[in-house]
Amino acid sequence: MTKNFARKKTKQDTCFSLMIKNSKDHSCSRLIIADENLRKSDFEHLPSGKIVLITNRFDIYEQAKVIGLDVFFNDFDFSVFPNNTFLQVLFRVSKEKALTHHIIKSTYRVLFSNGELVLGGSKGDGIKTYAEKASEYFGTPVKTKKNGSVYVAVATRSNLTRDIASRKEIDDQNYSALRECIPFQNDHLVSKPGLFGWGKIDEGSKFLSDFIPDFLTLFDREPKDILDLGCGYGYLSIRASQLTGASIVATDNNAAAILACSKNFIRLNINGAVIADDCGKNIKRLFDAVICNPPFHKGFGADAELTQKFVLSSFNHLRKGGMALLVVNSFIPLEKYIEKKLHTKLIAKNKSFKLILLQK
């Protein structure tokens, strides 16, 4: 592994630990909001008491289920909770502004009077601005503590009920709604905030999709099934379905991706299925082909381990003689830290991206 991608303890771990230390009495009912920034967090040694976790990440959902936590997997749909359910909500702020605003707005309803929303993050994450937004929406002052580069801000819901009209509105870009926002041929694909590159066609994915016709010529026969690993809103799946009669299985770890991709499959009558999963871990079948634009970020930092995970999963989901096509940024030395047993080939590149072929 190269020096630039070496793993190290991140500030997110420190942030979450500090938030737990600022947690209320152990007997109180608490909700932990877990997005990708808590992927490496320790949920096994949380304080005692009633703890519920809501996450938009399938890997975190599985992790929490294994240790017996009460956990919900969805795109942060708080309608699953009645009014005034929790005395405290803990949220390490997201890198997606619309999501953080959505969380601030949604948690007001589910908190008891005098309940607390605990926000954590660094100055670079926008924590001070988010604390101000929470103060304005809750109508109460926010208490902030600093520990090194990490801040914890606590907004308390007043015991006086505030009607919606009296709150200072926060723009969450209507976070929960899918919207037709990506021009595609004579129509639009649906997407939403919370997805990588949600309002556009990712340049790396476009580079890969434009190469699919050439990729298909490498097979002795047309693939009968294709796995789209890390599908997002489904762009690669849709392009592949237009170029081949293969059935498509699209999978992603992100609940927002599953919603958007499922909607696009229905709208375009794609032959296949959309499955929530952690990098295809629970998909036991094999495929003639895999297409993948692997993520190389975890939260606010680069993570080579995550990219390696997608490469290995792509290979392991191939039938003998199958091939996978992956696109990565040109600066990522993917070939250098792929396991030697994997047969790889640089098959195309431009100024920004390169396509890697895996063969089994």
Protein backbone atom coordinates (compact mmCIF):
# COMPACT_ATOMS: atom_id res chain seq x y z
CA MET A 1 0.00 0.00 0.00
CA THR A 2 1.33 3.44 -0.79
CA LYS A 3 2.19 6.04 1.80
CA ASN A 4 -0.58 8.39 0.66
CA PHE A 5 -3.22 5.78 1.39
CA ALA A 6 -1.87 4.43 4.67
CA ARG A 7 -4.58 3.90 7.26
CA LYS A 8 -4.50 6.00 10.38
CA LYS A 9 -6.81 6.83 13.23
CA THR A 10 -9.13 9.57 12.06
CA LYS A 11 -10.57 12.58 13.80
CA GLN A 12 -14.03 11.05 13.47
CA ASP A 13 -13.14 8.42 16.10
CA THR A 14 -12.07 11.15 18.55
CA CYS A 15 -15.21 13.10 17.78
CA PHE A 16 -17.59 10.22 18.43
CA SER A 17 -15.79 9.32 21.68
CA LEU A 18 -16.13 12.90 22.89
CA MET A 19 -19.82 12.91 22.03
CA ILE A 20 -20.36 9.74 24.04
CA LYS A 21 -18.58 11.34 27.00
CA ASN A 22 -21.05 14.22 26.79
CA SER A 23 -23.97 11.82 26.79
CA LYS A 24 -26.69 12.15 29.41
CA ASP A 25 -27.40 9.82 32.30
CA HIS A 26 -27.11 6.17 31.28
CA SER A 27 -30.78 5.49 31.95
CA CYS A 28 -32.00 7.96 29.33
CA SER A 29 -33.31 6.98 25.92
CA ARG A 30 -30.77 7.94 23.24
CA LEU A 31 -30.71 7.85 19.46
CA ILE A 32 -27.39 7.57 17.63
CA ILE A 33 -27.42 8.75 14.02
CA ALA A 34 -24.77 6.86 12.07
CA ASP A 35 -23.72 7.67 8.54
CA GLU A 36 -20.46 6.70 6.82
CA ASN A 37 -18.34 8.69 9.28
CA LEU A 38 -19.08 6.13 12.00
CA ARG A 39 -18.18 3.12 9.87
CA LYS A 40 -15.18 2.22 12.05
CA SER A 41 -16.73 3.23 15.36
CA ASP A 42 -16.99 0.95 18.37
CA PHE A 43 -20.66 0.28 19.10
CA GLU A 44 -19.95 -2.66 21.42
CA HIS A 45 -18.83 -0.50 24.34
CA LEU A 46 -21.50 2.16 24.38
CA PRO A 47 -22.78 3.32 27.78
CA SER A 48 -25.59 1.27 29.27
CA GLY A 49 -29.20 2.31 28.87
CA LYS A 50 -31.74 2.36 26.07
CA ILE A 51 -29.89 3.06 22.83
CA VAL A 52 -31.43 3.09 19.36
CA LEU A 53 -29.40 3.52 16.19
CA ILE A 54 -30.57 4.76 12.79
CA THR A 55 -28.26 4.46 9.81
CA ASN A 56 -28.25 4.81 6.05
CA ARG A 57 -25.34 2.36 5.74
CA PHE A 58 -26.02 -1.35 5.38
CA ASP A 59 -22.63 -2.33 6.82
CA ILE A 60 -23.33 -0.34 9.99
CA TYR A 61 -26.81 -1.86 10.15
CA GLU A 62 -25.35 -5.37 10.06
CA GLN A 63 -22.68 -4.48 12.61
CA ALA A 64 -25.29 -3.13 15.02
CA LYS A 65 -27.61 -6.13 14.54
CA VAL A 66 -24.82 -8.58 15.38
CA ILE A 67 -24.22 -6.96 18.77
CA GLY A 68 -27.93 -6.75 19.53
CA LEU A 69 -28.59 -3.02 19.15
CA ASP A 70 -32.05 -1.77 18.24
CA VAL A 71 -31.25 -0.46 14.74
CA PHE A 72 -33.13 0.95 11.73
CA PHE A 73 -31.76 0.96 8.17
CA ASN A 74 -33.30 3.64 5.96
CA ASP A 75 -32.48 7.00 4.39
CA PHE A 76 -32.87 8.74 7.76
CA ASP A 77 -36.64 8.51 7.66
CA PHE A 78 -37.60 9.58 11.18
CA SER A 79 -41.26 8.74 10.64
CA VAL A 80 -40.43 5.36 12.20
CA PHE A 81 -40.26 7.16 15.57
CA PRO A 82 -43.22 8.70 17.41
CA ASN A 83 -43.10 12.26 18.71
CA ASN A 84 -41.09 12.85 21.89
CA THR A 85 -39.28 9.50 21.92
CA PHE A 86 -35.72 10.39 22.99
CA LEU A 87 -34.03 12.46 25.68
CA GLN A 88 -30.88 12.71 23.60
CA VAL A 89 -29.85 12.41 19.95
CA LEU A 90 -26.18 12.12 18.98
CA PHE A 91 -25.02 13.04 15.47
CA ARG A 92 -21.51 13.37 14.10
CA VAL A 93 -22.19 15.91 11.36
CA SER A 94 -22.23 14.69 7.77
CA LYS A 95 -20.17 15.92 4.85
CA GLU A 96 -23.54 16.36 3.07
CA LYS A 97 -24.98 19.72 4.18
CA ALA A 98 -28.55 18.90 3.13
CA LEU A 99 -28.45 15.75 5.26
CA THR A 100 -27.17 17.58 8.32
CA HIS A 101 -29.93 20.16 7.96
CA HIS A 102 -32.46 17.33 7.56
CA ILE A 103 -31.21 15.73 10.77
CA ILE A 104 -31.47 18.99 12.75
CA LYS A 105 -35.05 19.50 11.57
CA SER A 106 -36.11 15.88 12.09
CA THR A 107 -34.68 15.45 15.57
CA TYR A 108 -36.64 18.36 17.00
CA ARG A 109 -39.85 16.36 16.71
CA VAL A 110 -38.53 13.13 18.25
CA LEU A 111 -36.93 14.80 21.30
CA PHE A 112 -38.71 15.21 24.63
CA SER A 113 -39.00 18.69 26.10
CA ASN A 114 -35.54 19.54 27.47
CA GLY A 115 -34.11 16.79 25.30
CA GLU A 116 -30.74 17.37 23.66
CA LEU A 117 -29.35 17.21 20.16
CA VAL A 118 -25.59 16.60 20.44
CA LEU A 119 -23.64 17.57 17.31
CA GLY A 120 -19.98 16.71 16.84
CA GLY A 121 -17.38 17.67 14.26
CA SER A 122 -14.33 19.77 13.51
CA LYS A 123 -14.25 23.40 12.44
CA GLY A 124 -13.53 22.28 8.87
CA ASP A 125 -16.69 20.18 8.91
CA GLY A 126 -18.80 23.29 9.46
CA ILE A 127 -19.71 22.39 13.05
CA LYS A 128 -19.94 26.03 14.17
CA THR A 129 -22.38 26.89 11.40
CA TYR A 130 -24.45 23.77 12.11
CA ALA A 131 -24.54 24.67 15.82
CA GLU A 132 -25.91 28.11 14.88
CA LYS A 133 -28.53 26.51 12.63
CA ALA A 134 -29.60 24.18 15.44
CA SER A 135 -29.84 27.11 17.86
CA GLU A 136 -32.01 29.06 15.44
CA TYR A 137 -34.30 26.12 14.69
CA PHE A 138 -34.61 24.98 18.32
CA GLY A 139 -34.97 28.55 19.56
CA THR A 140 -32.47 28.05 22.38
CA PRO A 141 -28.78 28.84 22.95
CA VAL A 142 -26.27 26.12 22.04
CA LYS A 143 -23.53 25.06 24.44
CA THR A 144 -20.24 24.24 22.72
CA LYS A 145 -17.17 22.40 24.05
CA LYS A 146 -13.80 22.14 22.30
CA ASN A 147 -11.28 19.31 22.59
CA GLY A 148 -8.32 19.91 20.30
CA SER A 149 -9.71 20.28 16.80
CA VAL A 150 -13.03 18.66 17.72
CA TYR A 151 -16.17 20.46 18.87
CA VAL A 152 -19.31 19.15 20.56
CA ALA A 153 -22.38 21.40 20.41
CA VAL A 154 -25.52 20.72 22.45
CA ALA A 155 -28.89 22.16 21.45
CA THR A 156 -31.71 21.73 23.96
CA ARG A 157 -35.35 21.56 22.97
CA SER A 158 -37.30 24.06 25.03
CA ASN A 159 -40.10 22.80 27.24
CA LEU A 160 -42.26 25.41 25.49
CA THR A 161 -43.81 23.97 22.33
CA ARG A 162 -42.89 26.05 19.27
CA ASP A 163 -45.14 25.95 16.25
CA ILE A 164 -43.54 25.42 12.85
CA ALA A 165 -44.21 29.00 11.75
CA SER A 166 -42.14 30.41 14.63
CA ARG A 167 -38.99 28.45 13.78
CA LYS A 168 -36.24 29.85 11.59
CA GLU A 169 -36.36 27.54 8.59
CA ILE A 170 -33.34 25.49 7.51
CA ASP A 171 -32.87 24.63 3.84
CA ASP A 172 -32.40 20.86 3.58
CA GLN A 173 -33.09 20.87 -0.18
CA ASN A 174 -36.15 18.73 0.51
CA TYR A 175 -33.68 16.00 1.41
CA SER A 176 -36.10 13.08 1.58
CA ALA A 177 -37.54 13.49 -1.92
CA LEU A 178 -36.28 11.82 -5.08
CA ARG A 179 -36.13 14.29 -7.93
CA GLU A 180 -35.74 14.16 -11.72
CA CYS A 181 -32.47 16.03 -11.95
CA ILE A 182 -30.11 14.21 -14.32
CA PRO A 183 -30.69 14.71 -18.06
CA PHE A 184 -30.43 11.35 -19.78
CA GLN A 185 -31.16 10.99 -23.48
CA ASN A 186 -34.77 12.21 -23.86
CA ASP A 187 -35.66 11.82 -20.20
CA HIS A 188 -34.28 12.37 -16.70
CA LEU A 189 -32.90 9.98 -14.09
CA VAL A 190 -33.94 10.46 -10.47
CA SER A 191 -31.44 11.09 -7.71
CA LYS A 192 -31.24 12.95 -4.40
CA PRO A 193 -28.89 14.57 -1.89
CA GLY A 194 -26.97 12.03 0.15
CA LEU A 195 -25.57 10.27 -2.91
CA PHE A 196 -22.08 10.76 -4.31
CA GLY A 197 -22.32 13.21 -7.23
CA TRP A 198 -26.08 13.06 -6.83
CA GLY A 199 -27.03 15.84 -9.26
CA LYS A 200 -24.83 14.91 -12.20
CA ILE A 201 -23.32 12.05 -14.19
CA ASP A 202 -20.00 11.22 -12.59
CA GLU A 203 -17.13 11.66 -15.07
CA GLY A 204 -15.50 8.38 -14.03
CA SER A 205 -18.74 6.47 -14.50
CA LYS A 206 -19.23 8.09 -17.90
CA PHE A 207 -15.71 7.07 -18.93
CA LEU A 208 -16.46 3.48 -17.94
CA SER A 209 -19.89 3.44 -19.57
CA ASP A 210 -18.49 4.72 -22.87
CA PHE A 211 -16.08 1.77 -22.86
CA ILE A 212 -18.75 -0.89 -22.22
CA PRO A 213 -19.19 -1.69 -25.95
CA ASP A 214 -15.46 -2.45 -26.18
CA PHE A 215 -15.61 -4.38 -22.91
CA LEU A 216 -18.35 -6.62 -24.31
CA THR A 217 -16.24 -7.51 -27.36
CA LEU A 218 -13.73 -9.19 -25.00
CA PHE A 219 -16.21 -11.95 -24.18
CA ASP A 220 -16.60 -15.10 -26.27
CA ARG A 221 -20.34 -14.71 -25.82
CA GLU A 222 -22.55 -11.94 -24.51
CA PRO A 223 -22.66 -11.93 -20.68
CA LYS A 224 -25.92 -13.28 -19.37
CA ASP A 225 -25.68 -11.40 -16.08
CA ILE A 226 -23.83 -8.34 -14.79
CA LEU A 227 -23.21 -7.09 -11.26
CA ASP A 228 -23.03 -3.33 -10.72
CA LEU A 229 -21.08 -3.05 -7.47
CA GLY A 230 -21.65 0.28 -5.72
CA CYS A 231 -24.44 1.27 -8.09
CA GLY A 232 -25.35 4.72 -6.79
CA TYR A 233 -28.50 5.90 -8.56
CA GLY A 234 -27.89 3.24 -11.25
CA TYR A 235 -26.18 5.03 -14.13
CA LEU A 236 -23.80 2.17 -15.04
CA SER A 237 -26.59 -0.39 -14.76
CA ILE A 238 -28.79 1.65 -17.08
CA ARG A 239 -26.05 2.09 -19.66
CA ALA A 240 -25.18 -1.61 -19.55
CA SER A 241 -28.83 -2.59 -19.97
CA GLN A 242 -29.00 -0.51 -23.15
CA LEU A 243 -26.03 -2.34 -24.65
CA THR A 244 -26.74 -5.93 -23.71
CA GLY A 245 -29.62 -8.27 -22.92
CA ALA A 246 -27.96 -9.36 -19.67
CA SER A 247 -29.88 -9.21 -16.41
CA ILE A 248 -28.45 -6.60 -14.07
CA VAL A 249 -28.02 -6.86 -10.31
CA ALA A 250 -27.27 -3.45 -8.79
CA THR A 251 -26.13 -3.19 -5.19
CA ASP A 252 -25.08 -0.41 -2.85
CA ASN A 253 -24.42 0.15 0.84
CA ASN A 254 -26.29 3.46 0.89
CA ALA A 255 -30.04 3.60 1.54
CA ALA A 256 -30.47 6.70 -0.65
CA ALA A 257 -28.79 4.87 -3.54
CA ILE A 258 -31.15 1.92 -3.16
CA LEU A 259 -34.18 4.24 -3.30
CA ALA A 260 -32.96 6.13 -6.36
CA CYS A 261 -31.66 3.11 -8.27
CA SER A 262 -34.85 1.15 -7.61
CA LYS A 263 -36.93 4.04 -8.94
CA ASN A 264 -34.78 4.32 -12.08
CA PHE A 265 -35.02 0.56 -12.68
CA ILE A 266 -38.81 0.78 -12.55
CA ARG A 267 -39.00 3.91 -14.73
CA LEU A 268 -36.77 2.40 -17.43
CA ASN A 269 -38.00 -1.17 -17.08
CA ILE A 270 -34.52 -2.55 -16.38
CA ASN A 271 -34.23 -6.34 -16.37
CA GLY A 272 -32.75 -7.05 -12.95
CA ALA A 273 -32.83 -6.31 -9.24
CA VAL A 274 -31.57 -3.71 -6.75
CA ILE A 275 -30.17 -5.07 -3.48
CA ALA A 276 -28.96 -3.30 -0.33
CA ASP A 277 -25.69 -4.89 0.73
CA ASP A 278 -22.19 -4.23 2.00
CA CYS A 279 -20.04 -4.47 -1.12
CA GLY A 280 -21.95 -7.53 -2.30
CA LYS A 281 -21.02 -9.53 0.81
CA ASN A 282 -24.39 -11.30 1.02
CA ILE A 283 -24.77 -11.84 -2.73
CA LYS A 284 -23.56 -15.42 -3.08
CA ARG A 285 -24.16 -15.94 -6.80
CA LEU A 286 -21.51 -15.42 -9.47
CA PHE A 287 -21.67 -13.28 -12.61
CA ASP A 288 -20.22 -13.23 -16.10
CA ALA A 289 -19.28 -9.56 -15.67
CA VAL A 290 -18.88 -6.93 -12.98
CA ILE A 291 -18.83 -3.15 -13.51
CA CYS A 292 -17.68 -0.90 -10.70
CA ASN A 293 -16.74 2.68 -9.88
CA PRO A 294 -15.32 1.97 -6.41
CA PRO A 295 -15.36 4.63 -3.71
CA PHE A 296 -12.01 5.70 -2.35
CA HIS A 297 -13.26 7.97 0.41
CA LYS A 298 -14.48 7.13 3.88
CA GLY A 299 -16.19 10.12 5.45
CA PHE A 300 -13.83 13.07 5.10
CA GLY A 301 -10.66 11.17 4.14
CA ALA A 302 -9.19 8.83 1.53
CA ASP A 303 -9.29 5.12 2.32
CA ALA A 304 -7.35 2.61 0.22
CA GLU A 305 -8.78 -0.29 2.22
CA LEU A 306 -12.26 0.58 0.98
CA THR A 307 -11.12 0.57 -2.65
CA GLN A 308 -9.31 -2.74 -2.16
CA LYS A 309 -12.49 -4.19 -0.70
CA PHE A 310 -14.39 -3.37 -3.90
CA VAL A 311 -11.63 -4.77 -6.11
CA LEU A 312 -11.56 -8.08 -4.25
CA SER A 313 -15.35 -8.33 -4.20
CA SER A 314 -15.46 -7.68 -7.95
CA PHE A 315 -13.05 -10.54 -8.53
CA ASN A 316 -14.77 -12.94 -6.12
CA HIS A 317 -18.16 -12.40 -7.80
CA LEU A 318 -16.90 -13.53 -11.21
CA ARG A 319 -17.46 -16.93 -12.72
CA LYS A 320 -14.41 -18.64 -14.14
CA GLY A 321 -13.61 -16.81 -17.36
CA GLY A 322 -15.55 -13.75 -16.23
CA MET A 323 -14.26 -10.18 -16.33
CA ALA A 324 -14.68 -7.05 -14.27
CA LEU A 325 -14.24 -3.47 -15.44
CA LEU A 326 -13.35 -0.85 -12.83
CA VAL A 327 -12.71 2.87 -13.11
CA VAL A 328 -10.48 4.75 -10.67
CA ASN A 329 -8.90 8.17 -10.50
CA SER A 330 -5.62 8.24 -12.39
CA PHE A 331 -3.62 9.17 -9.27
CA ILE A 332 -4.67 6.02 -7.38
CA PRO A 333 -1.95 3.33 -7.77
CA LEU A 334 -4.53 0.58 -7.77
CA GLU A 335 -2.34 -1.92 -9.59
CA LYS A 336 0.38 -1.67 -6.92
CA TYR A 337 -1.73 -2.76 -3.98
CA ILE A 338 -4.02 -5.28 -5.65
CA GLU A 339 -3.27 -8.83 -4.53
CA LYS A 340 -0.82 -10.50 -6.88
CA LYS A 341 -3.18 -13.42 -7.50
CA LEU A 342 -5.55 -11.07 -9.31
CA HIS A 343 -4.91 -10.71 -13.02
CA THR A 344 -5.23 -7.03 -13.89
CA LYS A 345 -4.69 -4.96 -16.98
CA LEU A 346 -4.75 -1.24 -17.64
CA ILE A 347 -7.11 -1.14 -20.58
CA ALA A 348 -7.79 2.57 -21.11
CA LYS A 349 -7.04 5.94 -19.54
CA ASN A 350 -7.52 9.67 -19.96
CA LYS A 351 -6.22 12.68 -18.04
CA SER A 352 -8.42 12.00 -15.02
CA PHE A 353 -9.30 8.29 -14.93
CA LYS A 354 -8.11 4.84 -15.86
CA LEU A 355 -9.96 1.60 -16.53
CA ILE A 356 -8.68 -1.61 -14.94
CA LEU A 357 -9.70 -5.03 -16.26
CA LEU A 358 -9.86 -8.00 -13.90
CA GLN A 359 -9.96 -11.50 -15.33
CA LYS A 360 -10.76 -14.76 -13.61
